[in-house]
């Protein structure tokens, strides 16, 4: 049985270092070190999913300066424990804890060319994507990103479910995902970069027209990001 709890010991945070390598195939230089996670744990929310003594999932977040929100910095599940719903449950535990502490929202960034995360964040956690940040992290030394640009979609999740109501949204627009992140990694790097750049430019153009990303849709002819006007 999986246990969900805060990371609260040096041993936990050492395991979190190793989990990052397994989740994203990170090099040592990109791994968030245990001493930093320990320091931030005094005010942050650092959660883990444990299968016995093994740390199989992590969710790491830090407070914003406004005293109302948190930044969800990274979260993921190691390959052997994926597709079991652990990521969703882990994120919900973290968000419930934040809401109980009086916080109002969570900000985070992600790559919407990853359909698993697009479905999780928009369809299951009611995230709204409202801004494109081009090459947010610069070049990342991880197998997960494979030298692709670190373009990201900046999102927000309201912790109060009554604020999450999207019934007032109107004006639907859909943007087809031509190649997923995994598909891009099979292409010649210059072609993959061109496709990634073009897709994020199209997201940005939609947002310049006043749209936000509210859902992910799997249709017979492909995968789509769904946009609405607030």
C-alpha atoms as a PDB file:
ATOM      1  CA  UNK A   1       0.000   0.000   0.000  1.00  0.00           C
ATOM      2  CA  UNK A   2       1.347   3.410  -0.988  1.00  0.00           C
ATOM      3  CA  UNK A   3       1.915   5.931   1.794  1.00  0.00           C
ATOM      4  CA  UNK A   4       1.715   9.670   1.107  1.00  0.00           C
ATOM      5  CA  UNK A   5       3.483  11.979   3.532  1.00  0.00           C
ATOM      6  CA  UNK A   6       5.792  14.952   3.867  1.00  0.00           C
ATOM      7  CA  UNK A   7       9.504  14.437   3.425  1.00  0.00           C
ATOM      8  CA  UNK A   8      10.813  15.002   6.940  1.00  0.00           C
ATOM      9  CA  UNK A   9      14.292  13.511   7.339  1.00  0.00           C
ATOM     10  CA  UNK A  10      17.738  13.709   5.773  1.00  0.00           C
ATOM     11  CA  UNK A  11      17.210  10.165   4.510  1.00  0.00           C
ATOM     12  CA  UNK A  12      13.945  11.216   2.799  1.00  0.00           C
ATOM     13  CA  UNK A  13      15.633  14.091   1.008  1.00  0.00           C
ATOM     14  CA  UNK A  14      18.559  11.937  -0.077  1.00  0.00           C
ATOM     15  CA  UNK A  15      16.007   9.576  -1.594  1.00  0.00           C
ATOM     16  CA  UNK A  16      14.400  12.572  -3.303  1.00  0.00           C
ATOM     17  CA  UNK A  17      17.707  13.295  -5.037  1.00  0.00           C
ATOM     18  CA  UNK A  18      17.753   9.785  -6.473  1.00  0.00           C
ATOM     19  CA  UNK A  19      14.058   9.960  -7.400  1.00  0.00           C
ATOM     20  CA  UNK A  20      14.713  13.029  -9.562  1.00  0.00           C
ATOM     21  CA  UNK A  21      17.305  11.062 -11.530  1.00  0.00           C
ATOM     22  CA  UNK A  22      14.869   8.204 -12.077  1.00  0.00           C
ATOM     23  CA  UNK A  23      11.879  10.370 -13.015  1.00  0.00           C
ATOM     24  CA  UNK A  24      13.617  12.689 -15.480  1.00  0.00           C
ATOM     25  CA  UNK A  25      16.947  10.940 -16.227  1.00  0.00           C
ATOM     26  CA  UNK A  26      18.644  14.007 -14.771  1.00  0.00           C
ATOM     27  CA  UNK A  27      22.363  14.587 -14.646  1.00  0.00           C
ATOM     28  CA  UNK A  28      23.854  15.470 -11.258  1.00  0.00           C
ATOM     29  CA  UNK A  29      24.126  19.150 -12.194  1.00  0.00           C
ATOM     30  CA  UNK A  30      20.332  19.519 -12.613  1.00  0.00           C
ATOM     31  CA  UNK A  31      19.276  17.589  -9.505  1.00  0.00           C
ATOM     32  CA  UNK A  32      17.841  19.701  -6.700  1.00  0.00           C
ATOM     33  CA  UNK A  33      20.230  18.915  -3.816  1.00  0.00           C
ATOM     34  CA  UNK A  34      19.024  17.533  -0.510  1.00  0.00           C
ATOM     35  CA  UNK A  35      20.454  20.427   1.529  1.00  0.00           C
ATOM     36  CA  UNK A  36      18.355  22.924  -0.479  1.00  0.00           C
ATOM     37  CA  UNK A  37      15.191  20.854  -0.100  1.00  0.00           C
ATOM     38  CA  UNK A  38      15.819  20.564   3.648  1.00  0.00           C
ATOM     39  CA  UNK A  39      16.228  24.339   3.967  1.00  0.00           C
ATOM     40  CA  UNK A  40      13.052  25.037   2.001  1.00  0.00           C
ATOM     41  CA  UNK A  41      11.060  22.418   3.924  1.00  0.00           C
ATOM     42  CA  UNK A  42      10.775  24.847   6.862  1.00  0.00           C
ATOM     43  CA  UNK A  43       8.167  26.780   4.874  1.00  0.00           C
ATOM     44  CA  UNK A  44       7.492  24.659   1.786  1.00  0.00           C
ATOM     45  CA  UNK A  45       5.508  21.546   1.056  1.00  0.00           C
ATOM     46  CA  UNK A  46       7.745  18.627   0.097  1.00  0.00           C
ATOM     47  CA  UNK A  47       5.757  15.435  -0.342  1.00  0.00           C
ATOM     48  CA  UNK A  48       6.596  11.871  -1.217  1.00  0.00           C
ATOM     49  CA  UNK A  49       4.793   8.683  -2.218  1.00  0.00           C
ATOM     50  CA  UNK A  50       6.395   5.668  -0.534  1.00  0.00           C
ATOM     51  CA  UNK A  51       6.129   2.005  -1.473  1.00  0.00           C
ATOM     52  CA  UNK A  52       7.533   0.523   1.715  1.00  0.00           C
ATOM     53  CA  UNK A  53      10.880   2.255   2.223  1.00  0.00           C
ATOM     54  CA  UNK A  54      11.185   3.209  -1.451  1.00  0.00           C
ATOM     55  CA  UNK A  55      10.395   6.788  -2.491  1.00  0.00           C
ATOM     56  CA  UNK A  56       8.487   6.331  -5.752  1.00  0.00           C
ATOM     57  CA  UNK A  57       7.027   9.816  -6.264  1.00  0.00           C
ATOM     58  CA  UNK A  58       7.825  13.395  -5.278  1.00  0.00           C
ATOM     59  CA  UNK A  59       6.004  16.741  -5.220  1.00  0.00           C
ATOM     60  CA  UNK A  60       8.131  19.744  -4.241  1.00  0.00           C
ATOM     61  CA  UNK A  61       6.731  23.259  -3.759  1.00  0.00           C
ATOM     62  CA  UNK A  62       7.848  26.569  -2.282  1.00  0.00           C
ATOM     63  CA  UNK A  63       5.952  29.641  -0.979  1.00  0.00           C
ATOM     64  CA  UNK A  64       5.491  32.829  -2.981  1.00  0.00           C
ATOM     65  CA  UNK A  65       6.289  36.196  -1.458  1.00  0.00           C
ATOM     66  CA  UNK A  66       2.635  37.346  -1.464  1.00  0.00           C
ATOM     67  CA  UNK A  67       1.802  34.911   1.354  1.00  0.00           C
ATOM     68  CA  UNK A  68      -1.155  33.530  -0.616  1.00  0.00           C
ATOM     69  CA  UNK A  69       0.345  31.141  -3.124  1.00  0.00           C
ATOM     70  CA  UNK A  70       2.889  28.421  -3.701  1.00  0.00           C
ATOM     71  CA  UNK A  71       5.070  27.470  -6.640  1.00  0.00           C
ATOM     72  CA  UNK A  72       4.891  23.782  -7.513  1.00  0.00           C
ATOM     73  CA  UNK A  73       8.470  23.318  -8.694  1.00  0.00           C
ATOM     74  CA  UNK A  74       8.622  19.668  -9.659  1.00  0.00           C
ATOM     75  CA  UNK A  75       6.709  16.451  -9.318  1.00  0.00           C
ATOM     76  CA  UNK A  76       6.794  13.011 -10.833  1.00  0.00           C
ATOM     77  CA  UNK A  77       6.670   9.262 -10.369  1.00  0.00           C
ATOM     78  CA  UNK A  78       9.483   6.800 -11.097  1.00  0.00           C
ATOM     79  CA  UNK A  79       8.932   4.638 -14.224  1.00  0.00           C
ATOM     80  CA  UNK A  80       8.117   1.403 -12.366  1.00  0.00           C
ATOM     81  CA  UNK A  81       5.137   3.022 -10.577  1.00  0.00           C
ATOM     82  CA  UNK A  82       3.546   5.101 -13.333  1.00  0.00           C
ATOM     83  CA  UNK A  83      -0.049   4.784 -14.610  1.00  0.00           C
ATOM     84  CA  UNK A  84      -1.336   3.930 -11.129  1.00  0.00           C
ATOM     85  CA  UNK A  85      -2.749   7.357 -10.238  1.00  0.00           C
ATOM     86  CA  UNK A  86       0.044   8.106  -7.764  1.00  0.00           C
ATOM     87  CA  UNK A  87       0.883  11.511  -9.250  1.00  0.00           C
ATOM     88  CA  UNK A  88      -2.693  12.745  -8.954  1.00  0.00           C
ATOM     89  CA  UNK A  89      -3.066  11.528  -5.375  1.00  0.00           C
ATOM     90  CA  UNK A  90       0.278  13.009  -4.358  1.00  0.00           C
ATOM     91  CA  UNK A  91      -0.619  16.404  -5.820  1.00  0.00           C
ATOM     92  CA  UNK A  92      -4.026  16.320  -4.077  1.00  0.00           C
ATOM     93  CA  UNK A  93      -2.413  15.585  -0.712  1.00  0.00           C
ATOM     94  CA  UNK A  94      -0.096  18.556  -1.201  1.00  0.00           C
ATOM     95  CA  UNK A  95      -2.906  20.891  -2.291  1.00  0.00           C
ATOM     96  CA  UNK A  96      -5.156  19.828   0.610  1.00  0.00           C
ATOM     97  CA  UNK A  97      -2.342  20.581   3.040  1.00  0.00           C
ATOM     98  CA  UNK A  98      -1.811  24.014   1.459  1.00  0.00           C
ATOM     99  CA  UNK A  99      -5.518  24.850   1.601  1.00  0.00           C
ATOM    100  CA  UNK A 100      -5.672  23.812   5.264  1.00  0.00           C
ATOM    101  CA  UNK A 101      -2.787  26.214   5.936  1.00  0.00           C
ATOM    102  CA  UNK A 102      -4.782  29.068   4.377  1.00  0.00           C
ATOM    103  CA  UNK A 103      -3.090  29.328   0.979  1.00  0.00           C
ATOM    104  CA  UNK A 104      -5.219  30.250  -2.030  1.00  0.00           C
ATOM    105  CA  UNK A 105      -3.507  28.989  -5.175  1.00  0.00           C
ATOM    106  CA  UNK A 106      -0.631  27.074  -6.739  1.00  0.00           C
ATOM    107  CA  UNK A 107       1.408  28.273  -9.711  1.00  0.00           C
ATOM    108  CA  UNK A 108       3.519  25.955 -11.834  1.00  0.00           C
ATOM    109  CA  UNK A 109       4.907  25.469 -15.320  1.00  0.00           C
ATOM    110  CA  UNK A 110       4.857  22.402 -17.536  1.00  0.00           C
ATOM    111  CA  UNK A 111       5.326  21.293 -21.137  1.00  0.00           C
ATOM    112  CA  UNK A 112       1.877  20.778 -22.746  1.00  0.00           C
ATOM    113  CA  UNK A 113       3.473  18.557 -25.402  1.00  0.00           C
ATOM    114  CA  UNK A 114       3.420  15.908 -22.654  1.00  0.00           C
ATOM    115  CA  UNK A 115      -0.192  14.623 -22.931  1.00  0.00           C
ATOM    116  CA  UNK A 116      -0.108  12.748 -19.615  1.00  0.00           C
ATOM    117  CA  UNK A 117       0.635  15.965 -17.726  1.00  0.00           C
ATOM    118  CA  UNK A 118      -1.772  18.017 -19.861  1.00  0.00           C
ATOM    119  CA  UNK A 119      -4.593  15.629 -18.920  1.00  0.00           C
ATOM    120  CA  UNK A 120      -3.588  15.574 -15.248  1.00  0.00           C
ATOM    121  CA  UNK A 121      -3.277  19.310 -14.754  1.00  0.00           C
ATOM    122  CA  UNK A 122      -6.184  20.613 -16.832  1.00  0.00           C
ATOM    123  CA  UNK A 123      -8.765  17.820 -16.736  1.00  0.00           C
ATOM    124  CA  UNK A 124      -8.168  16.374 -13.266  1.00  0.00           C
ATOM    125  CA  UNK A 125      -6.771  19.317 -11.282  1.00  0.00           C
ATOM    126  CA  UNK A 126      -8.595  22.204 -13.028  1.00  0.00           C
ATOM    127  CA  UNK A 127      -5.458  24.150 -13.898  1.00  0.00           C
ATOM    128  CA  UNK A 128      -5.669  27.211 -16.138  1.00  0.00           C
ATOM    129  CA  UNK A 129      -2.723  27.951 -18.423  1.00  0.00           C
ATOM    130  CA  UNK A 130      -2.347  31.671 -18.994  1.00  0.00           C
ATOM    131  CA  UNK A 131       1.190  32.501 -20.178  1.00  0.00           C
ATOM    132  CA  UNK A 132       3.943  31.022 -22.376  1.00  0.00           C
ATOM    133  CA  UNK A 133       7.518  31.352 -21.137  1.00  0.00           C
ATOM    134  CA  UNK A 134       9.996  30.593 -23.897  1.00  0.00           C
ATOM    135  CA  UNK A 135      13.088  28.553 -22.964  1.00  0.00           C
ATOM    136  CA  UNK A 136      12.237  28.995 -19.293  1.00  0.00           C
ATOM    137  CA  UNK A 137      15.092  26.924 -17.841  1.00  0.00           C
ATOM    138  CA  UNK A 138      17.567  27.291 -20.686  1.00  0.00           C
ATOM    139  CA  UNK A 139      19.216  24.026 -21.735  1.00  0.00           C
ATOM    140  CA  UNK A 140      18.448  21.135 -19.406  1.00  0.00           C
ATOM    141  CA  UNK A 141      20.844  18.210 -19.018  1.00  0.00           C
ATOM    142  CA  UNK A 142      18.312  15.396 -18.788  1.00  0.00           C
ATOM    143  CA  UNK A 143      17.242  12.491 -20.934  1.00  0.00           C
ATOM    144  CA  UNK A 144      13.615  13.535 -20.427  1.00  0.00           C
ATOM    145  CA  UNK A 145      14.138  16.810 -22.311  1.00  0.00           C
ATOM    146  CA  UNK A 146      16.717  15.548 -24.810  1.00  0.00           C
ATOM    147  CA  UNK A 147      18.151  18.966 -25.788  1.00  0.00           C
ATOM    148  CA  UNK A 148      14.726  20.385 -26.679  1.00  0.00           C
ATOM    149  CA  UNK A 149      13.917  23.999 -25.749  1.00  0.00           C
ATOM    150  CA  UNK A 150      12.541  24.309 -22.227  1.00  0.00           C
ATOM    151  CA  UNK A 151       9.405  26.208 -23.323  1.00  0.00           C
ATOM    152  CA  UNK A 152       6.757  26.117 -20.621  1.00  0.00           C
ATOM    153  CA  UNK A 153       3.115  26.984 -20.033  1.00  0.00           C
ATOM    154  CA  UNK A 154       2.562  28.934 -16.818  1.00  0.00           C
ATOM    155  CA  UNK A 155      -0.532  27.686 -14.990  1.00  0.00           C
ATOM    156  CA  UNK A 156      -2.585  28.376 -11.889  1.00  0.00           C
ATOM    157  CA  UNK A 157      -4.757  26.123  -9.738  1.00  0.00           C
ATOM    158  CA  UNK A 158      -7.222  27.714  -7.331  1.00  0.00           C
ATOM    159  CA  UNK A 159      -7.252  25.711  -4.094  1.00  0.00           C
ATOM    160  CA  UNK A 160     -10.820  26.761  -3.280  1.00  0.00           C
ATOM    161  CA  UNK A 161     -12.950  24.506  -5.501  1.00  0.00           C
ATOM    162  CA  UNK A 162     -15.746  27.111  -5.618  1.00  0.00           C
ATOM    163  CA  UNK A 163     -13.328  29.438  -7.436  1.00  0.00           C
ATOM    164  CA  UNK A 164     -12.447  26.671  -9.907  1.00  0.00           C
ATOM    165  CA  UNK A 165     -15.890  26.828 -11.546  1.00  0.00           C
ATOM    166  CA  UNK A 166     -15.286  27.374 -15.273  1.00  0.00           C
ATOM    167  CA  UNK A 167     -18.952  27.793 -16.239  1.00  0.00           C
ATOM    168  CA  UNK A 168     -18.394  31.482 -17.033  1.00  0.00           C
ATOM    169  CA  UNK A 169     -15.802  30.677 -19.718  1.00  0.00           C
ATOM    170  CA  UNK A 170     -16.783  31.108 -23.355  1.00  0.00           C
ATOM    171  CA  UNK A 171     -15.356  31.079 -26.872  1.00  0.00           C
ATOM    172  CA  UNK A 172     -13.784  27.642 -27.344  1.00  0.00           C
ATOM    173  CA  UNK A 173     -10.711  27.198 -29.517  1.00  0.00           C
ATOM    174  CA  UNK A 174      -8.625  24.051 -29.996  1.00  0.00           C
ATOM    175  CA  UNK A 175      -4.969  23.685 -30.973  1.00  0.00           C
ATOM    176  CA  UNK A 176      -3.864  20.270 -32.234  1.00  0.00           C
ATOM    177  CA  UNK A 177      -0.665  18.777 -30.816  1.00  0.00           C
ATOM    178  CA  UNK A 178       1.262  17.782 -33.941  1.00  0.00           C
ATOM    179  CA  UNK A 179       3.991  15.863 -32.085  1.00  0.00           C
ATOM    180  CA  UNK A 180       4.136  14.880 -28.419  1.00  0.00           C
ATOM    181  CA  UNK A 181       7.294  15.281 -26.378  1.00  0.00           C
ATOM    182  CA  UNK A 182       8.155  11.603 -26.783  1.00  0.00           C
ATOM    183  CA  UNK A 183       7.588  11.774 -30.538  1.00  0.00           C
ATOM    184  CA  UNK A 184       9.784  14.855 -30.845  1.00  0.00           C
ATOM    185  CA  UNK A 185      12.657  12.990 -29.235  1.00  0.00           C
ATOM    186  CA  UNK A 186      12.637  10.510 -32.117  1.00  0.00           C
ATOM    187  CA  UNK A 187      13.097  13.246 -34.739  1.00  0.00           C
ATOM    188  CA  UNK A 188      16.282  14.988 -35.901  1.00  0.00           C
ATOM    189  CA  UNK A 189      16.962  17.656 -33.279  1.00  0.00           C
ATOM    190  CA  UNK A 190      16.603  20.637 -35.647  1.00  0.00           C
ATOM    191  CA  UNK A 191      13.201  19.379 -36.823  1.00  0.00           C
ATOM    192  CA  UNK A 192      12.094  18.755 -33.238  1.00  0.00           C
ATOM    193  CA  UNK A 193      13.146  22.252 -32.141  1.00  0.00           C
ATOM    194  CA  UNK A 194      11.285  23.814 -35.071  1.00  0.00           C
ATOM    195  CA  UNK A 195       8.055  21.955 -34.215  1.00  0.00           C
ATOM    196  CA  UNK A 196       8.323  22.839 -30.521  1.00  0.00           C
ATOM    197  CA  UNK A 197       8.991  26.507 -31.268  1.00  0.00           C
ATOM    198  CA  UNK A 198       6.060  26.710 -33.685  1.00  0.00           C
ATOM    199  CA  UNK A 199       3.595  25.082 -31.302  1.00  0.00           C
ATOM    200  CA  UNK A 200       4.445  27.366 -28.400  1.00  0.00           C
ATOM    201  CA  UNK A 201       4.260  30.406 -30.680  1.00  0.00           C
ATOM    202  CA  UNK A 202       0.730  29.325 -31.619  1.00  0.00           C
ATOM    203  CA  UNK A 203      -0.211  28.969 -27.937  1.00  0.00           C
ATOM    204  CA  UNK A 204       1.184  32.439 -27.325  1.00  0.00           C
ATOM    205  CA  UNK A 205      -0.827  33.876 -30.223  1.00  0.00           C
ATOM    206  CA  UNK A 206      -4.026  32.411 -28.753  1.00  0.00           C
ATOM    207  CA  UNK A 207      -3.246  34.033 -25.440  1.00  0.00           C
ATOM    208  CA  UNK A 208      -2.614  37.372 -27.108  1.00  0.00           C
ATOM    209  CA  UNK A 209      -6.203  37.067 -28.354  1.00  0.00           C
ATOM    210  CA  UNK A 210      -7.402  36.689 -24.752  1.00  0.00           C
ATOM    211  CA  UNK A 211      -7.653  32.892 -24.498  1.00  0.00           C
ATOM    212  CA  UNK A 212      -6.432  30.633 -21.679  1.00  0.00           C
ATOM    213  CA  UNK A 213      -5.847  26.866 -21.686  1.00  0.00           C
ATOM    214  CA  UNK A 214      -8.497  25.047 -19.669  1.00  0.00           C
ATOM    215  CA  UNK A 215      -8.575  21.448 -20.917  1.00  0.00           C
ATOM    216  CA  UNK A 216      -6.898  18.657 -22.845  1.00  0.00           C
ATOM    217  CA  UNK A 217      -8.923  16.706 -25.390  1.00  0.00           C
ATOM    218  CA  UNK A 218      -8.208  13.329 -26.993  1.00  0.00           C
ATOM    219  CA  UNK A 219     -10.108  13.139 -30.286  1.00  0.00           C
ATOM    220  CA  UNK A 220     -10.187  10.410 -32.965  1.00  0.00           C
ATOM    221  CA  UNK A 221      -7.952  12.568 -35.168  1.00  0.00           C
ATOM    222  CA  UNK A 222      -5.434  13.523 -32.487  1.00  0.00           C
ATOM    223  CA  UNK A 223      -4.657  15.386 -29.257  1.00  0.00           C
ATOM    224  CA  UNK A 224      -5.694  18.973 -28.579  1.00  0.00           C
ATOM    225  CA  UNK A 225      -5.230  21.772 -26.060  1.00  0.00           C
ATOM    226  CA  UNK A 226      -8.574  23.462 -25.418  1.00  0.00           C
ATOM    227  CA  UNK A 227      -8.784  27.243 -24.977  1.00  0.00           C
ATOM    228  CA  UNK A 228     -11.528  29.500 -23.605  1.00  0.00           C
ATOM    229  CA  UNK A 229     -11.936  33.214 -23.019  1.00  0.00           C
ATOM    230  CA  UNK A 230     -12.357  34.140 -19.331  1.00  0.00           C
END
